[in-house]
Amino acid sequence: MKKEKLSVVIPFFNEQQELPTLFLDLIKFEKKNSNYVLEYLFINDASTDNSVKIITNLKNKLSIKIKRKIKILYNKKNLGWSKTVQRGYKESRGEYVLFIPGDGEARLTQFLKRSFFSKKQEVVIFQRSSMPGRPVVRILISHIYRVLISLIFLTRVMDYNGLIILKKAIIKKINVSSNSFFISAEIIVKSFKLGLKIDYMNSFQLFPKNKYKSTSLTLSQFLKILKDIFITLRFIKRI
């Protein structure tokens, strides 16, 4: 992978307690990999807390070289995780795009290495090795979700909600359309069905949040996931 070809998309909504940890990790990563990432796109999904103020203050304390890489984008209204990720795909300029949550659970220093691009894969999937700090019920639901998705789409990976790096040239081919947290599963399933070059034997460690919260366990989100599964099934049938 040529230097500075990766765009890192970081959607966030009301993450004022978690963003400082994420920034510290970003700085640590840049010290050893300054020519690796082209840009960091922080996308504010209409936060109502001090997230934007905190990001701005932290950014202003950085060196000019790192500061130039950081861009803060704003959604005029709350679009949700999936639509914000999709906006990041459109706004990014890198040859590859990685999205990570703004809650500090995933840290670049723990998993992002140049070796992942040595085989010139089109899709690199990072699966969660553990989920510390999460309620047992939440872990159980994640397990059931993984089993159901595997049965429905006849695919098998350890985790459908991990992190994904995509070669930007193939994003249009995947035609990401989810309006729910199904977006990661959609990308993974379509990547396999389209026969893309995939590296999925990777794992990363999750770190506990300062304050755990979940917006995925609602009836509205459940109905959106069902709709996205149906749309993805229709897409696959047309392949």
C-alpha atoms as a PDB file:
ATOM      1  CA  MET A   1       0.000   0.000   0.000  1.00  0.00           C
ATOM      2  CA  LYS A   2       1.383   3.375  -1.026  1.00  0.00           C
ATOM      3  CA  LYS A   3       1.766   5.979   1.661  1.00  0.00           C
ATOM      4  CA  GLU A   4      -1.170   8.127   2.732  1.00  0.00           C
ATOM      5  CA  LYS A   5      -3.819   6.178   0.836  1.00  0.00           C
ATOM      6  CA  LEU A   6      -6.170   5.386   3.741  1.00  0.00           C
ATOM      7  CA  SER A   7      -9.147   7.492   4.811  1.00  0.00           C
ATOM      8  CA  VAL A   8     -10.374   6.846   8.361  1.00  0.00           C
ATOM      9  CA  VAL A   9     -14.060   7.712   8.825  1.00  0.00           C
ATOM     10  CA  ILE A  10     -15.154   8.310  12.422  1.00  0.00           C
ATOM     11  CA  PRO A  11     -18.902   8.916  12.897  1.00  0.00           C
ATOM     12  CA  PHE A  12     -19.883  10.137  16.352  1.00  0.00           C
ATOM     13  CA  PHE A  13     -22.980  11.154  18.276  1.00  0.00           C
ATOM     14  CA  ASN A  14     -22.756  12.453  21.853  1.00  0.00           C
ATOM     15  CA  GLU A  15     -19.372  10.894  22.622  1.00  0.00           C
ATOM     16  CA  GLN A  16     -17.866  13.640  24.775  1.00  0.00           C
ATOM     17  CA  GLN A  17     -16.623  11.116  27.348  1.00  0.00           C
ATOM     18  CA  GLU A  18     -15.001   8.799  24.799  1.00  0.00           C
ATOM     19  CA  LEU A  19     -13.447  11.141  22.237  1.00  0.00           C
ATOM     20  CA  PRO A  20     -10.382  12.145  24.327  1.00  0.00           C
ATOM     21  CA  THR A  21      -9.325   8.474  24.540  1.00  0.00           C
ATOM     22  CA  LEU A  22      -9.797   8.068  20.789  1.00  0.00           C
ATOM     23  CA  PHE A  23      -7.673  11.171  20.131  1.00  0.00           C
ATOM     24  CA  LEU A  24      -4.853   9.935  22.354  1.00  0.00           C
ATOM     25  CA  ASP A  25      -4.793   6.686  20.391  1.00  0.00           C
ATOM     26  CA  LEU A  26      -4.816   8.591  17.095  1.00  0.00           C
ATOM     27  CA  ILE A  27      -1.792  10.630  18.174  1.00  0.00           C
ATOM     28  CA  LYS A  28       0.026   7.488  19.312  1.00  0.00           C
ATOM     29  CA  PHE A  29      -0.702   5.838  15.973  1.00  0.00           C
ATOM     30  CA  GLU A  30       0.526   8.864  14.002  1.00  0.00           C
ATOM     31  CA  LYS A  31       3.875   8.883  15.814  1.00  0.00           C
ATOM     32  CA  LYS A  32       4.781   5.545  14.245  1.00  0.00           C
ATOM     33  CA  ASN A  33       2.672   5.702  11.078  1.00  0.00           C
ATOM     34  CA  SER A  34       2.773   9.324   9.961  1.00  0.00           C
ATOM     35  CA  ASN A  35       2.781   8.423   6.246  1.00  0.00           C
ATOM     36  CA  TYR A  36       0.000   5.866   6.440  1.00  0.00           C
ATOM     37  CA  VAL A  37      -3.299   7.756   6.774  1.00  0.00           C
ATOM     38  CA  LEU A  38      -4.330  10.435   4.298  1.00  0.00           C
ATOM     39  CA  GLU A  39      -7.187  11.877   6.365  1.00  0.00           C
ATOM     40  CA  TYR A  40      -9.343  11.435   9.446  1.00  0.00           C
ATOM     41  CA  LEU A  41     -12.953  12.364   8.783  1.00  0.00           C
ATOM     42  CA  PHE A  42     -14.843  12.998  12.017  1.00  0.00           C
ATOM     43  CA  ILE A  43     -18.545  13.205  11.174  1.00  0.00           C
ATOM     44  CA  ASN A  44     -20.790  14.795  13.776  1.00  0.00           C
ATOM     45  CA  ASP A  45     -24.230  13.197  13.582  1.00  0.00           C
ATOM     46  CA  ALA A  46     -25.995  16.230  15.126  1.00  0.00           C
ATOM     47  CA  SER A  47     -24.604  15.737  18.641  1.00  0.00           C
ATOM     48  CA  THR A  48     -26.324  17.619  21.449  1.00  0.00           C
ATOM     49  CA  ASP A  49     -23.465  17.457  23.977  1.00  0.00           C
ATOM     50  CA  ASN A  50     -19.967  18.988  23.929  1.00  0.00           C
ATOM     51  CA  SER A  51     -18.488  16.464  21.475  1.00  0.00           C
ATOM     52  CA  VAL A  52     -17.708  19.029  18.767  1.00  0.00           C
ATOM     53  CA  LYS A  53     -16.166  21.484  21.223  1.00  0.00           C
ATOM     54  CA  ILE A  54     -13.971  18.743  22.656  1.00  0.00           C
ATOM     55  CA  ILE A  55     -12.816  17.585  19.205  1.00  0.00           C
ATOM     56  CA  THR A  56     -12.038  21.152  18.141  1.00  0.00           C
ATOM     57  CA  ASN A  57     -10.012  21.824  21.293  1.00  0.00           C
ATOM     58  CA  LEU A  58      -8.085  18.565  20.958  1.00  0.00           C
ATOM     59  CA  LYS A  59      -7.399  19.196  17.278  1.00  0.00           C
ATOM     60  CA  ASN A  60      -6.016  22.664  17.988  1.00  0.00           C
ATOM     61  CA  LYS A  61      -3.405  21.167  20.329  1.00  0.00           C
ATOM     62  CA  LEU A  62      -1.973  18.856  17.674  1.00  0.00           C
ATOM     63  CA  SER A  63       1.005  19.435  15.411  1.00  0.00           C
ATOM     64  CA  ILE A  64       0.309  21.134  12.082  1.00  0.00           C
ATOM     65  CA  LYS A  65       1.064  17.923  10.178  1.00  0.00           C
ATOM     66  CA  ILE A  66      -1.574  15.892  12.026  1.00  0.00           C
ATOM     67  CA  LYS A  67      -4.021  18.783  12.258  1.00  0.00           C
ATOM     68  CA  ARG A  68      -4.150  19.062   8.469  1.00  0.00           C
ATOM     69  CA  LYS A  69      -5.322  15.462   8.234  1.00  0.00           C
ATOM     70  CA  ILE A  70      -8.304  15.962  10.541  1.00  0.00           C
ATOM     71  CA  LYS A  71     -11.577  17.209   9.106  1.00  0.00           C
ATOM     72  CA  ILE A  72     -14.809  17.700  11.021  1.00  0.00           C
ATOM     73  CA  LEU A  73     -17.983  17.257   8.982  1.00  0.00           C
ATOM     74  CA  TYR A  74     -21.509  17.959  10.184  1.00  0.00           C
ATOM     75  CA  ASN A  75     -24.853  16.314   9.512  1.00  0.00           C
ATOM     76  CA  LYS A  76     -27.620  18.914   9.548  1.00  0.00           C
ATOM     77  CA  LYS A  77     -29.818  16.393  11.357  1.00  0.00           C
ATOM     78  CA  ASN A  78     -29.268  13.038  13.023  1.00  0.00           C
ATOM     79  CA  LEU A  79     -28.941  10.460  10.234  1.00  0.00           C
ATOM     80  CA  GLY A  80     -27.886   7.460  12.296  1.00  0.00           C
ATOM     81  CA  TRP A  81     -24.758   5.318  12.142  1.00  0.00           C
ATOM     82  CA  SER A  82     -25.290   3.677   8.735  1.00  0.00           C
ATOM     83  CA  LYS A  83     -26.152   6.811   6.764  1.00  0.00           C
ATOM     84  CA  THR A  84     -23.263   8.673   8.390  1.00  0.00           C
ATOM     85  CA  VAL A  85     -20.854   5.887   7.388  1.00  0.00           C
ATOM     86  CA  GLN A  86     -22.196   6.086   3.836  1.00  0.00           C
ATOM     87  CA  ARG A  87     -21.594   9.824   3.809  1.00  0.00           C
ATOM     88  CA  GLY A  88     -18.029   9.132   4.913  1.00  0.00           C
ATOM     89  CA  TYR A  89     -17.557   6.781   1.963  1.00  0.00           C
ATOM     90  CA  LYS A  90     -18.677   9.539  -0.411  1.00  0.00           C
ATOM     91  CA  GLU A  91     -16.593  12.299   1.194  1.00  0.00           C
ATOM     92  CA  SER A  92     -13.374  10.271   1.563  1.00  0.00           C
ATOM     93  CA  ARG A  93     -10.443  10.769  -0.832  1.00  0.00           C
ATOM     94  CA  GLY A  94      -8.290   7.754  -0.005  1.00  0.00           C
ATOM     95  CA  GLU A  95      -7.762   4.662  -2.106  1.00  0.00           C
ATOM     96  CA  TYR A  96      -8.976   2.663   0.900  1.00  0.00           C
ATOM     97  CA  VAL A  97     -11.574   3.583   3.519  1.00  0.00           C
ATOM     98  CA  LEU A  98     -11.852   2.385   7.114  1.00  0.00           C
ATOM     99  CA  PHE A  99     -14.699   3.314   9.450  1.00  0.00           C
ATOM    100  CA  ILE A 100     -14.365   3.134  13.228  1.00  0.00           C
ATOM    101  CA  PRO A 101     -16.868   4.237  15.883  1.00  0.00           C
ATOM    102  CA  GLY A 102     -16.237   7.410  17.849  1.00  0.00           C
ATOM    103  CA  ASP A 103     -16.760   5.648  21.180  1.00  0.00           C
ATOM    104  CA  GLY A 104     -13.131   4.615  21.722  1.00  0.00           C
ATOM    105  CA  GLU A 105     -13.794   0.866  21.728  1.00  0.00           C
ATOM    106  CA  ALA A 106     -11.591   0.291  18.668  1.00  0.00           C
ATOM    107  CA  ARG A 107      -8.043   1.641  18.692  1.00  0.00           C
ATOM    108  CA  LEU A 108      -5.921   2.025  15.589  1.00  0.00           C
ATOM    109  CA  THR A 109      -2.715   1.168  17.438  1.00  0.00           C
ATOM    110  CA  GLN A 110      -4.090  -2.284  18.277  1.00  0.00           C
ATOM    111  CA  PHE A 111      -4.946  -3.593  14.829  1.00  0.00           C
ATOM    112  CA  LEU A 112      -4.018  -1.385  11.877  1.00  0.00           C
ATOM    113  CA  LYS A 113      -0.863  -2.606  10.121  1.00  0.00           C
ATOM    114  CA  ARG A 114       0.611  -2.195   6.645  1.00  0.00           C
ATOM    115  CA  SER A 115       0.770  -5.968   6.228  1.00  0.00           C
ATOM    116  CA  PHE A 116      -3.002  -6.100   5.724  1.00  0.00           C
ATOM    117  CA  PHE A 117      -2.483  -4.565   2.280  1.00  0.00           C
ATOM    118  CA  SER A 118       0.433  -6.703   1.162  1.00  0.00           C
ATOM    119  CA  LYS A 119      -1.867  -8.970  -0.864  1.00  0.00           C
ATOM    120  CA  LYS A 120      -3.814  -6.044  -2.335  1.00  0.00           C
ATOM    121  CA  GLN A 121      -7.162  -7.208  -0.998  1.00  0.00           C
ATOM    122  CA  GLU A 122     -10.341  -5.314  -1.891  1.00  0.00           C
ATOM    123  CA  VAL A 123     -11.947  -5.958   1.487  1.00  0.00           C
ATOM    124  CA  VAL A 124     -10.266  -6.415   4.871  1.00  0.00           C
ATOM    125  CA  ILE A 125     -12.522  -7.532   7.732  1.00  0.00           C
ATOM    126  CA  PHE A 126     -11.509  -7.220  11.389  1.00  0.00           C
ATOM    127  CA  GLN A 127     -13.550  -9.357  13.774  1.00  0.00           C
ATOM    128  CA  ARG A 128     -14.013  -8.619  17.466  1.00  0.00           C
ATOM    129  CA  SER A 129     -12.150 -11.079  19.693  1.00  0.00           C
ATOM    130  CA  SER A 130     -13.968 -10.018  22.887  1.00  0.00           C
ATOM    131  CA  MET A 131     -16.536  -7.504  24.144  1.00  0.00           C
ATOM    132  CA  PRO A 132     -15.438  -6.320  27.606  1.00  0.00           C
ATOM    133  CA  GLY A 133     -17.814  -4.109  29.543  1.00  0.00           C
ATOM    134  CA  ARG A 134     -20.876  -5.165  27.600  1.00  0.00           C
ATOM    135  CA  PRO A 135     -23.912  -6.638  29.392  1.00  0.00           C
ATOM    136  CA  VAL A 136     -24.345 -10.402  29.104  1.00  0.00           C
ATOM    137  CA  VAL A 137     -27.698  -9.879  27.365  1.00  0.00           C
ATOM    138  CA  ARG A 138     -26.017  -7.714  24.728  1.00  0.00           C
ATOM    139  CA  ILE A 139     -23.356 -10.370  24.089  1.00  0.00           C
ATOM    140  CA  LEU A 140     -26.043 -13.055  23.808  1.00  0.00           C
ATOM    141  CA  ILE A 141     -28.006 -10.993  21.277  1.00  0.00           C
ATOM    142  CA  SER A 142     -24.833 -10.500  19.215  1.00  0.00           C
ATOM    143  CA  HIS A 143     -24.321 -14.265  19.163  1.00  0.00           C
ATOM    144  CA  ILE A 144     -27.908 -14.936  18.047  1.00  0.00           C
ATOM    145  CA  TYR A 145     -27.602 -12.225  15.388  1.00  0.00           C
ATOM    146  CA  ARG A 146     -24.425 -13.825  14.006  1.00  0.00           C
ATOM    147  CA  VAL A 147     -26.060 -17.259  13.792  1.00  0.00           C
ATOM    148  CA  LEU A 148     -29.189 -15.912  12.068  1.00  0.00           C
ATOM    149  CA  ILE A 149     -27.229 -13.907   9.478  1.00  0.00           C
ATOM    150  CA  SER A 150     -25.054 -16.948   8.719  1.00  0.00           C
ATOM    151  CA  LEU A 151     -28.150 -19.100   8.170  1.00  0.00           C
ATOM    152  CA  ILE A 152     -30.015 -16.550   6.078  1.00  0.00           C
ATOM    153  CA  PHE A 153     -27.122 -15.722   3.724  1.00  0.00           C
ATOM    154  CA  LEU A 154     -25.173 -19.006   3.926  1.00  0.00           C
ATOM    155  CA  THR A 155     -21.966 -17.238   4.916  1.00  0.00           C
ATOM    156  CA  ARG A 156     -19.814 -17.856   7.950  1.00  0.00           C
ATOM    157  CA  VAL A 157     -17.573 -15.399   9.727  1.00  0.00           C
ATOM    158  CA  MET A 158     -16.888 -14.925  13.410  1.00  0.00           C
ATOM    159  CA  ASP A 159     -18.406 -11.454  13.554  1.00  0.00           C
ATOM    160  CA  TYR A 160     -20.729  -9.390  11.344  1.00  0.00           C
ATOM    161  CA  ASN A 161     -20.279  -6.164  13.310  1.00  0.00           C
ATOM    162  CA  GLY A 162     -16.527  -5.749  13.206  1.00  0.00           C
ATOM    163  CA  LEU A 163     -14.444  -3.170  11.347  1.00  0.00           C
ATOM    164  CA  ILE A 164     -14.025  -3.104   7.589  1.00  0.00           C
ATOM    165  CA  ILE A 165     -11.539  -1.565   5.176  1.00  0.00           C
ATOM    166  CA  LEU A 166     -12.829  -1.214   1.624  1.00  0.00           C
ATOM    167  CA  LYS A 167     -11.025  -0.310  -1.548  1.00  0.00           C
ATOM    168  CA  LYS A 168     -12.984   2.746  -2.607  1.00  0.00           C
ATOM    169  CA  ALA A 169     -13.178   1.595  -6.215  1.00  0.00           C
ATOM    170  CA  ILE A 170     -15.490  -1.281  -5.240  1.00  0.00           C
ATOM    171  CA  ILE A 171     -17.860   0.619  -2.911  1.00  0.00           C
ATOM    172  CA  LYS A 172     -20.218   1.491  -5.772  1.00  0.00           C
ATOM    173  CA  LYS A 173     -20.231  -2.167  -6.821  1.00  0.00           C
ATOM    174  CA  ILE A 174     -21.320  -3.229  -3.326  1.00  0.00           C
ATOM    175  CA  ASN A 175     -24.095  -0.612  -3.455  1.00  0.00           C
ATOM    176  CA  VAL A 176     -24.356  -0.068   0.310  1.00  0.00           C
ATOM    177  CA  SER A 177     -27.945   0.820   1.185  1.00  0.00           C
ATOM    178  CA  SER A 178     -28.604  -0.140   4.822  1.00  0.00           C
ATOM    179  CA  ASN A 179     -30.441   2.230   7.121  1.00  0.00           C
ATOM    180  CA  SER A 180     -29.575   0.282  10.281  1.00  0.00           C
ATOM    181  CA  PHE A 181     -26.728  -1.417  12.129  1.00  0.00           C
ATOM    182  CA  PHE A 182     -26.997  -4.179   9.522  1.00  0.00           C
ATOM    183  CA  ILE A 183     -24.603  -2.131   7.353  1.00  0.00           C
ATOM    184  CA  SER A 184     -21.483  -4.110   8.352  1.00  0.00           C
ATOM    185  CA  ALA A 185     -23.220  -7.434   7.706  1.00  0.00           C
ATOM    186  CA  GLU A 186     -24.485  -6.097   4.373  1.00  0.00           C
ATOM    187  CA  ILE A 187     -20.970  -5.191   3.242  1.00  0.00           C
ATOM    188  CA  ILE A 188     -19.537  -8.534   4.374  1.00  0.00           C
ATOM    189  CA  VAL A 189     -22.283 -10.654   2.799  1.00  0.00           C
ATOM    190  CA  LYS A 190     -22.220  -8.775  -0.508  1.00  0.00           C
ATOM    191  CA  SER A 191     -18.419  -8.920  -0.641  1.00  0.00           C
ATOM    192  CA  PHE A 192     -18.509 -12.711  -0.438  1.00  0.00           C
ATOM    193  CA  LYS A 193     -21.381 -13.068  -2.908  1.00  0.00           C
ATOM    194  CA  LEU A 194     -19.689 -10.742  -5.414  1.00  0.00           C
ATOM    195  CA  GLY A 195     -16.492 -12.774  -5.227  1.00  0.00           C
ATOM    196  CA  LEU A 196     -14.299  -9.881  -4.081  1.00  0.00           C
ATOM    197  CA  LYS A 197     -10.760 -10.364  -2.774  1.00  0.00           C
ATOM    198  CA  ILE A 198     -11.304 -10.640   0.981  1.00  0.00           C
ATOM    199  CA  ASP A 199      -9.000 -11.000   3.977  1.00  0.00           C
ATOM    200  CA  TYR A 200     -11.153 -11.888   6.996  1.00  0.00           C
ATOM    201  CA  MET A 201      -8.837 -13.875   9.260  1.00  0.00           C
ATOM    202  CA  ASN A 202      -8.112 -10.825  11.411  1.00  0.00           C
ATOM    203  CA  SER A 203      -9.276  -9.942  14.918  1.00  0.00           C
ATOM    204  CA  PHE A 204      -9.045  -6.926  17.184  1.00  0.00           C
ATOM    205  CA  GLN A 205      -9.633  -6.237  20.840  1.00  0.00           C
ATOM    206  CA  LEU A 206     -12.474  -4.036  22.024  1.00  0.00           C
ATOM    207  CA  PHE A 207     -11.793  -1.659  24.911  1.00  0.00           C
ATOM    208  CA  PRO A 208     -14.477  -0.842  27.498  1.00  0.00           C
ATOM    209  CA  LYS A 209     -16.223   2.494  27.127  1.00  0.00           C
ATOM    210  CA  ASN A 210     -16.204   5.022  29.949  1.00  0.00           C
ATOM    211  CA  LYS A 211     -19.980   4.804  29.850  1.00  0.00           C
ATOM    212  CA  TYR A 212     -21.660   1.965  27.990  1.00  0.00           C
ATOM    213  CA  LYS A 213     -24.790   2.771  26.049  1.00  0.00           C
ATOM    214  CA  SER A 214     -26.558   1.028  23.200  1.00  0.00           C
ATOM    215  CA  THR A 215     -28.948   2.426  20.614  1.00  0.00           C
ATOM    216  CA  SER A 216     -29.316  -0.801  18.673  1.00  0.00           C
ATOM    217  CA  LEU A 217     -31.779  -2.615  20.965  1.00  0.00           C
ATOM    218  CA  THR A 218     -34.973  -0.835  19.951  1.00  0.00           C
ATOM    219  CA  LEU A 219     -38.068  -1.965  18.067  1.00  0.00           C
ATOM    220  CA  SER A 220     -37.470   0.696  15.416  1.00  0.00           C
ATOM    221  CA  GLN A 221     -33.908  -0.525  14.828  1.00  0.00           C
ATOM    222  CA  PHE A 222     -35.081  -4.145  14.722  1.00  0.00           C
ATOM    223  CA  LEU A 223     -37.632  -3.341  12.007  1.00  0.00           C
ATOM    224  CA  LYS A 224     -35.016  -1.431  10.016  1.00  0.00           C
ATOM    225  CA  ILE A 225     -32.654  -4.418  10.200  1.00  0.00           C
ATOM    226  CA  LEU A 226     -35.390  -6.746   8.886  1.00  0.00           C
ATOM    227  CA  LYS A 227     -36.022  -4.375   5.980  1.00  0.00           C
ATOM    228  CA  ASP A 228     -32.296  -4.161   5.185  1.00  0.00           C
ATOM    229  CA  ILE A 229     -31.991  -7.965   5.250  1.00  0.00           C
ATOM    230  CA  PHE A 230     -34.845  -8.233   2.745  1.00  0.00           C
ATOM    231  CA  ILE A 231     -33.281  -5.616   0.433  1.00  0.00           C
ATOM    232  CA  THR A 232     -29.898  -7.383   0.603  1.00  0.00           C
ATOM    233  CA  LEU A 233     -31.514 -10.720  -0.261  1.00  0.00           C
ATOM    234  CA  ARG A 234     -33.089  -9.112  -3.341  1.00  0.00           C
ATOM    235  CA  PHE A 235     -29.686  -7.688  -4.349  1.00  0.00           C
ATOM    236  CA  ILE A 236     -28.036 -11.105  -4.067  1.00  0.00           C
ATOM    237  CA  LYS A 237     -30.716 -12.757  -6.188  1.00  0.00           C
ATOM    238  CA  ARG A 238     -29.911 -10.324  -9.006  1.00  0.00           C
ATOM    239  CA  ILE A 239     -26.193 -11.185  -9.008  1.00  0.00           C
END
